[in-house]
């Protein structure tokens, strides 16, 4: 039995040269940008009011009975000593001179309530660098409610 079958040759499939695969960055950048916008829109930022300080009120304060030098700080941050305008770096020298002349002199700071806390701290630091052992802040007496 001989079958007449033609000989079938295999199909030749051409090989495709695809080259190296490329990843397009454009869709990736779009997705990252959309995620950034999403998180920016949905994030809730708490209101940070900073450190809330209520200034103390004094109904009773002890007067300084010893010799004192008075340094005044105005609303705009101007520093005065004996009615003369001085700089923060001058305070240290003035305190040293006062302590040499009269040991155990206290420093009394009369600071406007609208002056910045930074000015207060700078003046107090300068007094301490000058050797002052007692630095006080002058307060106004409160009127007692009737």
Protein backbone atom coordinates (compact mmCIF):
# COMPACT_ATOMS: atom_id res chain seq x y z
CA UNK A 1 0.00 0.00 0.00
CA UNK A 2 1.54 2.91 -1.12
CA UNK A 3 -0.09 6.11 -0.56
CA UNK A 4 0.57 8.87 -2.83
CA UNK A 5 1.14 11.63 -0.47
CA UNK A 6 3.05 14.58 -1.51
CA UNK A 7 5.87 15.47 0.67
CA UNK A 8 5.03 18.36 2.86
CA UNK A 9 7.72 20.78 3.67
CA UNK A 10 7.63 22.70 6.94
CA UNK A 11 6.31 26.24 6.86
CA UNK A 12 9.01 28.76 7.12
CA UNK A 13 8.10 31.50 9.54
CA UNK A 14 10.25 34.58 9.20
CA UNK A 15 11.97 35.67 12.41
CA UNK A 16 11.06 39.17 13.49
CA UNK A 17 13.81 41.41 14.74
CA UNK A 18 12.10 43.26 17.57
CA UNK A 19 15.18 44.92 18.95
CA UNK A 20 15.56 45.77 22.60
CA UNK A 21 12.37 46.46 24.55
CA UNK A 22 11.86 50.13 25.49
CA UNK A 23 9.87 51.34 28.44
CA UNK A 24 8.24 54.63 27.72
CA UNK A 25 8.60 57.07 30.62
CA UNK A 26 5.70 59.32 29.62
CA UNK A 27 2.92 57.17 31.15
CA UNK A 28 5.00 56.63 34.30
CA UNK A 29 5.51 60.36 34.74
CA UNK A 30 1.78 60.95 34.22
CA UNK A 31 0.89 58.40 36.90
CA UNK A 32 3.38 59.83 39.41
CA UNK A 33 2.10 63.34 38.73
CA UNK A 34 -1.51 62.22 39.28
CA UNK A 35 -0.53 60.52 42.55
CA UNK A 36 1.23 63.68 43.68
CA UNK A 37 -1.86 65.76 42.93
CA UNK A 38 -4.08 63.22 44.69
CA UNK A 39 -2.03 63.28 47.90
CA UNK A 40 -1.71 67.07 47.84
CA UNK A 41 -5.47 67.48 47.54
CA UNK A 42 -6.42 64.87 50.14
CA UNK A 43 -3.83 65.76 52.78
CA UNK A 44 -5.11 67.81 55.68
CA UNK A 45 -2.55 70.14 57.18
CA UNK A 46 -3.21 71.04 60.82
CA UNK A 47 -3.15 74.69 61.69
CA UNK A 48 0.00 75.35 63.63
CA UNK A 49 -0.53 78.43 65.73
CA UNK A 50 2.89 78.05 67.29
CA UNK A 51 3.42 78.26 70.98
CA UNK A 52 0.48 80.07 72.56
CA UNK A 53 1.69 82.03 75.53
CA UNK A 54 -0.58 83.80 77.93
CA UNK A 55 1.40 86.42 79.69
CA UNK A 56 1.33 86.20 83.45
CA UNK A 57 -0.47 88.82 85.42
CA UNK A 58 0.84 89.88 88.76
CA UNK A 59 -1.38 90.84 91.64
CA UNK A 60 1.49 90.66 94.07
CA UNK A 61 5.18 91.03 93.43
CA UNK A 62 8.13 91.50 95.67
CA UNK A 63 9.94 94.80 95.21
CA UNK A 64 13.69 94.73 94.75
CA UNK A 65 15.19 96.42 97.81
CA UNK A 66 18.83 96.20 96.81
CA UNK A 67 20.67 98.36 94.31
CA UNK A 68 19.36 97.79 90.80
CA UNK A 69 20.10 98.84 87.28
CA UNK A 70 17.13 99.32 84.97
CA UNK A 71 17.18 98.37 81.30
CA UNK A 72 14.19 99.40 79.19
CA UNK A 73 13.07 97.61 76.02
CA UNK A 74 10.59 99.55 73.90
CA UNK A 75 7.80 98.17 71.73
CA UNK A 76 9.96 98.32 68.59
CA UNK A 77 12.88 96.50 70.27
CA UNK A 78 14.92 99.60 71.09
CA UNK A 79 17.02 99.08 74.23
CA UNK A 80 17.60 101.99 76.60
CA UNK A 81 19.87 102.37 79.62
CA UNK A 82 19.72 105.63 81.57
CA UNK A 83 17.62 107.09 78.74
CA UNK A 84 20.36 106.37 76.16
CA UNK A 85 19.90 103.98 73.27
CA UNK A 86 22.25 100.99 73.45
CA UNK A 87 22.79 97.77 71.50
CA UNK A 88 22.38 94.25 72.86
CA UNK A 89 26.14 93.65 72.87
CA UNK A 90 26.63 96.73 75.10
CA UNK A 91 24.52 95.24 77.90
CA UNK A 92 27.16 92.70 78.91
CA UNK A 93 29.80 95.42 79.33
CA UNK A 94 27.44 97.72 81.26
CA UNK A 95 26.42 94.94 83.65
CA UNK A 96 30.07 94.03 84.29
CA UNK A 97 30.91 97.67 85.03
CA UNK A 98 27.93 98.01 87.38
CA UNK A 99 28.82 94.80 89.25
CA UNK A 100 32.41 95.97 89.69
CA UNK A 101 31.20 99.30 91.11
CA UNK A 102 28.40 97.80 93.25
CA UNK A 103 28.52 94.02 93.78
CA UNK A 104 25.20 92.12 94.03
CA UNK A 105 23.38 94.62 91.83
CA UNK A 106 20.12 93.28 90.46
CA UNK A 107 19.06 93.92 86.88
CA UNK A 108 15.48 95.02 86.34
CA UNK A 109 14.07 94.74 82.83
CA UNK A 110 11.19 97.00 81.92
CA UNK A 111 9.91 95.44 78.73
CA UNK A 112 6.93 96.62 76.73
CA UNK A 113 4.38 93.82 76.48
CA UNK A 114 4.43 94.13 72.69
CA UNK A 115 8.19 93.57 72.44
CA UNK A 116 9.26 90.27 70.95
CA UNK A 117 10.24 87.32 73.07
CA UNK A 118 13.51 87.11 71.13
CA UNK A 119 14.43 90.60 72.32
CA UNK A 120 13.66 89.62 75.91
CA UNK A 121 15.78 86.47 75.67
CA UNK A 122 18.67 88.35 74.03
CA UNK A 123 18.68 91.00 76.76
CA UNK A 124 18.46 88.39 79.53
CA UNK A 125 21.31 86.37 77.98
CA UNK A 126 23.48 89.49 77.76
CA UNK A 127 22.76 90.27 81.44
CA UNK A 128 23.71 86.72 82.46
CA UNK A 129 26.90 86.88 80.37
CA UNK A 130 27.76 90.11 82.18
CA UNK A 131 27.57 88.25 85.49
CA UNK A 132 24.18 89.32 86.80
CA UNK A 133 22.91 86.91 89.44
CA UNK A 134 19.43 88.42 89.68
CA UNK A 135 17.52 89.43 86.57
CA UNK A 136 13.91 90.47 87.06
CA UNK A 137 11.09 91.63 84.82
CA UNK A 138 9.06 94.61 85.94
CA UNK A 139 5.30 94.10 85.92
CA UNK A 140 2.38 96.43 86.39
CA UNK A 141 0.08 95.78 89.30
CA UNK A 142 -3.38 94.57 88.34
CA UNK A 143 -6.40 96.38 89.60
CA UNK A 144 -8.48 94.03 91.70
CA UNK A 145 -12.05 93.68 90.40
CA UNK A 146 -14.68 95.24 92.63
